[in-house]
Amino acid sequence: MFSSVLSVLALTAVVGLVVAIFVAGGVYAARVRRTGIDATLANARKVRELR
């Protein structure tokens, strides 16, 4: 019983991670399509310099 609960939790965590990667990729692709690759990369450089 306990091992099956752990298995379900591990599977849920892995599926959630995969979904998060695909969602982040989709957000990035939409941003690149909307603003262009040059503006997206320039903005990323600007954010990195502010840290």
Protein backbone atom coordinates (compact mmCIF):
# COMPACT_ATOMS: atom_id res chain seq x y z
CA MET A 1 0.00 0.00 0.00
CA PHE A 2 2.69 2.49 1.04
CA SER A 3 4.91 1.68 -1.95
CA SER A 4 2.00 2.14 -4.36
CA VAL A 5 1.30 5.58 -2.89
CA LEU A 6 4.96 6.50 -3.35
CA SER A 7 4.86 5.21 -6.91
CA VAL A 8 1.81 7.34 -7.70
CA LEU A 9 3.45 10.39 -6.14
CA ALA A 10 6.65 9.84 -8.12
CA LEU A 11 4.72 9.38 -11.35
CA THR A 12 2.72 12.55 -10.64
CA ALA A 13 5.92 14.50 -10.00
CA VAL A 14 7.52 13.28 -13.25
CA VAL A 15 4.41 14.01 -15.31
CA GLY A 16 4.16 17.46 -13.72
CA LEU A 17 7.79 18.18 -14.57
CA VAL A 18 7.30 17.13 -18.20
CA VAL A 19 4.15 19.25 -18.48
CA ALA A 20 5.97 22.25 -16.98
CA ILE A 21 8.79 21.88 -19.53
CA PHE A 22 6.32 21.82 -22.42
CA VAL A 23 4.36 24.80 -21.06
CA ALA A 24 7.56 26.82 -20.63
CA GLY A 25 8.57 25.93 -24.19
CA GLY A 26 5.20 27.04 -25.48
CA VAL A 27 5.41 30.35 -23.61
CA TYR A 28 8.91 30.93 -25.00
CA ALA A 29 7.82 30.06 -28.55
CA ALA A 30 4.84 32.41 -28.31
CA ARG A 31 7.06 35.23 -27.03
CA VAL A 32 9.57 34.69 -29.84
CA ARG A 33 6.79 34.63 -32.41
CA ARG A 34 5.26 37.82 -30.98
CA THR A 35 8.38 39.95 -30.42
CA GLY A 36 11.01 38.29 -32.58
CA ILE A 37 14.12 36.39 -31.56
CA ASP A 38 16.39 39.45 -31.36
CA ALA A 39 14.12 41.35 -28.97
CA THR A 40 13.58 38.23 -26.84
CA LEU A 41 17.30 37.58 -26.48
CA ALA A 42 18.05 41.27 -25.81
CA ASN A 43 15.44 41.29 -23.06
CA ALA A 44 16.92 38.13 -21.53
CA ARG A 45 20.39 39.74 -21.54
CA LYS A 46 18.98 42.87 -19.90
CA VAL A 47 17.28 40.84 -17.15
CA ARG A 48 20.47 38.86 -16.54
CA GLU A 49 22.52 42.07 -16.22
CA LEU A 50 20.10 43.50 -13.64
CA ARG A 51 20.72 40.56 -11.26
